[in-house]
Amino acid sequence: MFVVFPFVFIASFRGKVKGGNFIYDVLRLWSWIWLKAVFIFHRNIYEEKPDPSRQYIFVANHISLLDAAIIVEAIRQHFRPLGKIEMKNIPVFGFIYKVCVVMVDRSSATHRAKSVRQLKSVLNKKISILVFPEGTFNLTNEPLKEFYDGAFRIAVETQTPLQPILFLDNYDRMRHQQIFTFTPGRCRTVFLKSIPVEGYTMNDIPQLKSKVFGLMSEKLQAYKASWIQEPAGDKATI
């Protein structure tokens, strides 16, 4: 973070678009170097590769403190994520966070509405966005926790396709319960097939949300994500 900070500080004067895109290029390089230095071997798996000339609303599961470092390496095009406003208070990282992220205070309806407007503005500037529809870490043994409506509402309103992303191994490298659970090893990011939203209306948001939730949940189980546990009653008895 200290190495990246001067570049971010200078780029912050170049404006939200040019400066922001440059910052993400720097962060992507930082992530590539750092991951190799700590022996994390990251690779993308593409069930469908994003078109770099198009805008997407990327929706990803949120399972680890490592997600932030992996995501700038995984997404190979300019984007802006939606993130919790509390993170801006972290020294050094907080400044970088403020200039790179569309922040949201979920406790304030006014602030949530402002964040939605900012995300729409990003899409209008031909830049993709990233939303964790779970809102926070999944602390359960289920594939996903319940989704918020925001990403799906924006997708319908702006007619922007959704591209689900799965983080399969971040939980094994660094668990959300403790920072000092870090272990080297593989980290796979899966890009699922994009989901067009043509024909969907605001009344269809629950249906669209359920469709994406079901697809991501099914694929996490198919790829055998390690935090998923079967209910005791479903295990075979001997």
Protein backbone atom coordinates (compact mmCIF):
# COMPACT_ATOMS: atom_id res chain seq x y z
CA MET A 1 0.00 0.00 0.00
CA PHE A 2 2.84 2.42 0.80
CA VAL A 3 4.42 1.72 -2.60
CA VAL A 4 1.13 2.30 -4.43
CA PHE A 5 0.12 5.39 -2.43
CA PRO A 6 2.20 8.05 -4.32
CA PHE A 7 0.84 6.88 -7.70
CA VAL A 8 -2.72 6.95 -6.39
CA PHE A 9 -2.23 10.41 -4.87
CA ILE A 10 -0.93 11.86 -8.16
CA ALA A 11 -3.57 10.11 -10.28
CA SER A 12 -6.36 11.41 -8.04
CA PHE A 13 -5.81 14.87 -9.59
CA ARG A 14 -6.45 13.53 -13.13
CA GLY A 15 -10.18 13.16 -12.63
CA LYS A 16 -12.59 10.36 -11.85
CA VAL A 17 -12.29 8.63 -15.22
CA LYS A 18 -8.69 8.99 -16.44
CA GLY A 19 -7.27 9.12 -12.94
CA GLY A 20 -9.43 6.25 -11.74
CA ASN A 21 -8.54 4.04 -14.70
CA PHE A 22 -4.83 4.73 -14.18
CA ILE A 23 -5.14 3.82 -10.50
CA TYR A 24 -6.69 0.47 -11.40
CA ASP A 25 -3.86 -0.20 -13.85
CA VAL A 26 -1.39 0.44 -11.00
CA LEU A 27 -3.38 -1.73 -8.59
CA ARG A 28 -3.54 -4.54 -11.12
CA LEU A 29 0.27 -4.48 -11.45
CA TRP A 30 0.63 -4.31 -7.65
CA SER A 31 -1.69 -7.28 -7.21
CA TRP A 32 0.14 -9.37 -9.83
CA ILE A 33 3.50 -8.75 -8.12
CA TRP A 34 2.22 -9.15 -4.56
CA LEU A 35 0.38 -12.41 -5.23
CA LYS A 36 3.51 -13.97 -6.71
CA ALA A 37 5.63 -12.65 -3.82
CA VAL A 38 3.41 -14.38 -1.23
CA PHE A 39 3.08 -17.58 -3.31
CA ILE A 40 -0.56 -17.25 -4.26
CA PHE A 41 -1.07 -18.76 -7.68
CA HIS A 42 -4.09 -17.09 -9.22
CA ARG A 43 -5.80 -18.00 -12.47
CA ASN A 44 -9.07 -17.17 -14.16
CA ILE A 45 -11.45 -19.84 -15.42
CA TYR A 46 -13.74 -18.59 -18.15
CA GLU A 47 -17.08 -20.25 -18.81
CA GLU A 48 -17.54 -17.02 -20.77
CA LYS A 49 -14.83 -14.39 -21.18
CA PRO A 50 -16.01 -10.79 -20.72
CA ASP A 51 -15.91 -8.62 -23.84
CA PRO A 52 -13.50 -5.74 -23.00
CA SER A 53 -15.45 -3.41 -25.27
CA ARG A 54 -18.67 -3.88 -23.26
CA GLN A 55 -19.82 -2.77 -19.83
CA TYR A 56 -20.96 -5.32 -17.26
CA ILE A 57 -22.32 -5.40 -13.77
CA PHE A 58 -20.00 -7.97 -12.22
CA VAL A 59 -21.59 -9.74 -9.24
CA ALA A 60 -19.32 -11.82 -7.01
CA ASN A 61 -19.56 -13.89 -3.84
CA HIS A 62 -17.83 -12.34 -0.81
CA ILE A 63 -16.05 -14.86 1.39
CA SER A 64 -12.58 -13.57 2.33
CA LEU A 65 -10.44 -10.59 3.24
CA LEU A 66 -8.38 -11.55 0.19
CA ASP A 67 -11.19 -10.73 -2.26
CA ALA A 68 -10.04 -7.12 -2.69
CA ALA A 69 -6.52 -8.10 -3.75
CA ILE A 70 -7.67 -10.86 -6.09
CA ILE A 71 -10.38 -8.87 -7.81
CA VAL A 72 -8.10 -6.26 -9.40
CA GLU A 73 -6.00 -9.09 -10.81
CA ALA A 74 -9.01 -11.11 -11.98
CA ILE A 75 -11.01 -8.43 -13.85
CA ARG A 76 -8.92 -7.40 -16.86
CA GLN A 77 -10.85 -4.25 -17.73
CA HIS A 78 -11.61 -0.98 -16.01
CA PHE A 79 -14.33 -1.14 -13.38
CA ARG A 80 -15.45 0.46 -10.13
CA PRO A 81 -16.63 -1.57 -7.12
CA LEU A 82 -19.27 -0.73 -4.55
CA GLY A 83 -17.76 -0.91 -1.06
CA LYS A 84 -18.62 -0.28 2.58
CA ILE A 85 -17.98 3.28 3.75
CA GLU A 86 -16.38 2.06 7.00
CA MET A 87 -13.26 0.94 5.10
CA LYS A 88 -12.25 4.53 4.37
CA ASN A 89 -11.06 4.93 7.98
CA ILE A 90 -8.16 2.48 7.57
CA PRO A 91 -4.84 4.43 7.45
CA VAL A 92 -3.22 4.66 3.98
CA PHE A 93 -5.54 2.02 2.53
CA GLY A 94 -8.48 4.30 3.34
CA PHE A 95 -7.23 7.06 1.04
CA ILE A 96 -6.72 4.60 -1.83
CA TYR A 97 -10.13 3.13 -1.10
CA LYS A 98 -11.88 6.53 -1.25
CA VAL A 99 -10.58 7.36 -4.73
CA CYS A 100 -11.14 3.85 -6.15
CA VAL A 101 -14.50 2.76 -4.76
CA VAL A 102 -18.11 3.94 -4.87
CA MET A 103 -18.83 3.93 -1.15
CA VAL A 104 -22.15 3.03 0.46
CA ASP A 105 -23.51 3.45 3.97
CA ARG A 106 -26.19 0.75 4.10
CA SER A 107 -27.64 2.22 7.30
CA SER A 108 -28.70 5.37 5.41
CA ALA A 109 -31.41 5.27 2.75
CA THR A 110 -30.21 8.64 1.44
CA HIS A 111 -26.64 7.42 1.09
CA ARG A 112 -27.76 4.18 -0.57
CA ALA A 113 -29.69 6.20 -3.16
CA LYS A 114 -26.64 8.42 -3.77
CA SER A 115 -24.44 5.33 -4.30
CA VAL A 116 -26.89 3.97 -6.87
CA ARG A 117 -26.74 7.26 -8.78
CA GLN A 118 -22.94 7.13 -8.73
CA LEU A 119 -22.89 3.57 -10.04
CA LYS A 120 -25.21 4.54 -12.90
CA SER A 121 -22.92 7.47 -13.68
CA VAL A 122 -19.95 5.07 -13.87
CA LEU A 123 -21.82 2.89 -16.38
CA ASN A 124 -22.69 5.97 -18.43
CA LYS A 125 -18.95 6.65 -18.69
CA LYS A 126 -18.47 3.24 -20.35
CA ILE A 127 -16.91 1.67 -17.25
CA SER A 128 -18.12 -1.57 -15.67
CA ILE A 129 -19.08 -1.88 -12.02
CA LEU A 130 -18.68 -4.61 -9.40
CA VAL A 131 -21.19 -5.36 -6.65
CA PHE A 132 -21.08 -7.99 -3.89
CA PRO A 133 -24.83 -8.69 -3.79
CA GLU A 134 -24.51 -10.44 -0.41
CA GLY A 135 -23.54 -7.03 1.02
CA THR A 136 -20.95 -8.43 3.43
CA PHE A 137 -19.03 -11.63 4.19
CA ASN A 138 -20.92 -14.89 3.94
CA LEU A 139 -20.49 -16.23 7.50
CA THR A 140 -22.59 -19.33 6.89
CA ASN A 141 -21.80 -22.81 5.59
CA GLU A 142 -24.17 -22.21 2.69
CA PRO A 143 -22.86 -21.37 -0.81
CA LEU A 144 -24.23 -17.80 -0.54
CA LYS A 145 -26.13 -15.58 1.83
CA GLU A 146 -29.25 -13.69 0.77
CA PHE A 147 -28.79 -11.12 -2.01
CA TYR A 148 -29.72 -7.44 -1.91
CA ASP A 149 -31.70 -5.99 -4.84
CA GLY A 150 -29.30 -3.17 -5.80
CA ALA A 151 -27.21 -4.79 -8.53
CA PHE A 152 -30.27 -6.26 -10.23
CA ARG A 153 -32.25 -3.04 -10.05
CA ILE A 154 -29.37 -1.13 -11.68
CA ALA A 155 -29.00 -3.84 -14.33
CA VAL A 156 -32.66 -3.51 -15.35
CA GLU A 157 -32.71 0.29 -15.19
CA THR A 158 -29.55 0.65 -17.33
CA GLN A 159 -30.07 -2.51 -19.44
CA THR A 160 -26.55 -3.67 -18.56
CA PRO A 161 -25.79 -7.42 -18.61
CA LEU A 162 -24.80 -9.18 -15.40
CA GLN A 163 -21.63 -11.27 -15.25
CA PRO A 164 -21.44 -13.55 -12.19
CA ILE A 165 -17.99 -14.21 -10.71
CA LEU A 166 -17.03 -16.94 -8.22
CA PHE A 167 -14.10 -16.80 -5.81
CA LEU A 168 -13.42 -20.48 -5.12
CA ASP A 169 -10.26 -20.57 -3.00
CA ASN A 170 -9.94 -17.16 -1.31
CA TYR A 171 -11.57 -18.63 1.80
CA ASP A 172 -8.83 -21.27 2.01
CA ARG A 173 -6.06 -18.68 1.65
CA MET A 174 -7.40 -16.15 4.20
CA ARG A 175 -10.59 -16.67 6.17
CA HIS A 176 -12.87 -13.82 7.10
CA GLN A 177 -12.86 -14.72 10.80
CA GLN A 178 -9.13 -14.06 11.25
CA ILE A 179 -6.47 -12.08 9.37
CA PHE A 180 -3.70 -14.42 10.48
CA THR A 181 -5.07 -17.49 8.73
CA PHE A 182 -3.16 -16.66 5.54
CA THR A 183 -1.74 -19.63 3.65
CA PRO A 184 -0.13 -19.76 0.19
CA GLY A 185 -1.67 -21.83 -2.58
CA ARG A 186 -3.99 -21.63 -5.56
CA CYS A 187 -6.75 -19.06 -6.06
CA ARG A 188 -9.25 -19.60 -8.86
CA THR A 189 -11.73 -17.02 -10.12
CA VAL A 190 -14.55 -18.33 -12.31
CA PHE A 191 -16.37 -16.09 -14.79
CA LEU A 192 -19.79 -17.59 -15.47
CA LYS A 193 -21.86 -16.90 -18.56
CA SER A 194 -23.21 -13.37 -18.69
CA ILE A 195 -26.92 -12.84 -18.16
CA PRO A 196 -28.65 -10.36 -20.48
CA VAL A 197 -31.49 -8.33 -19.00
CA GLU A 198 -33.37 -7.34 -22.14
CA GLY A 199 -37.09 -7.75 -21.56
CA TYR A 200 -36.84 -7.57 -17.78
CA THR A 201 -38.84 -4.88 -15.99
CA MET A 202 -38.71 -3.61 -12.42
CA ASN A 203 -41.41 -6.13 -11.54
CA ASP A 204 -39.05 -8.92 -12.63
CA ILE A 205 -36.22 -8.04 -10.22
CA PRO A 206 -37.05 -10.86 -7.73
CA GLN A 207 -37.05 -13.34 -10.61
CA LEU A 208 -33.72 -12.04 -11.97
CA LYS A 209 -32.14 -12.04 -8.51
CA SER A 210 -33.33 -15.59 -7.89
CA LYS A 211 -31.94 -16.72 -11.26
CA VAL A 212 -28.46 -15.32 -10.55
CA PHE A 213 -28.49 -16.61 -6.96
CA GLY A 214 -29.44 -20.10 -8.13
CA LEU A 215 -26.78 -20.17 -10.85
CA MET A 216 -23.98 -18.98 -8.56
CA SER A 217 -25.03 -21.33 -5.76
CA GLU A 218 -25.18 -24.31 -8.13
CA LYS A 219 -21.77 -23.55 -9.61
CA LEU A 220 -20.11 -23.06 -6.20
CA GLN A 221 -21.31 -26.53 -5.27
CA ALA A 222 -20.20 -27.97 -8.61
CA TYR A 223 -16.70 -26.52 -8.12
CA LYS A 224 -16.71 -27.88 -4.54
CA ALA A 225 -16.14 -24.64 -2.63
CA SER A 226 -14.64 -25.69 0.69
CA TRP A 227 -16.86 -23.69 3.09
CA ILE A 228 -20.04 -25.42 1.92
CA GLN A 229 -21.24 -28.12 4.31
CA GLU A 230 -24.15 -30.48 3.91
CA PRO A 231 -26.82 -30.39 6.61
CA ALA A 232 -26.33 -33.22 9.10
CA GLY A 233 -29.62 -34.79 8.06
CA ASP A 234 -28.48 -35.07 4.43
CA LYS A 235 -25.37 -37.15 5.24
CA ALA A 236 -25.58 -40.84 4.69
CA THR A 237 -25.78 -42.90 7.87
CA ILE A 238 -23.62 -45.96 8.41
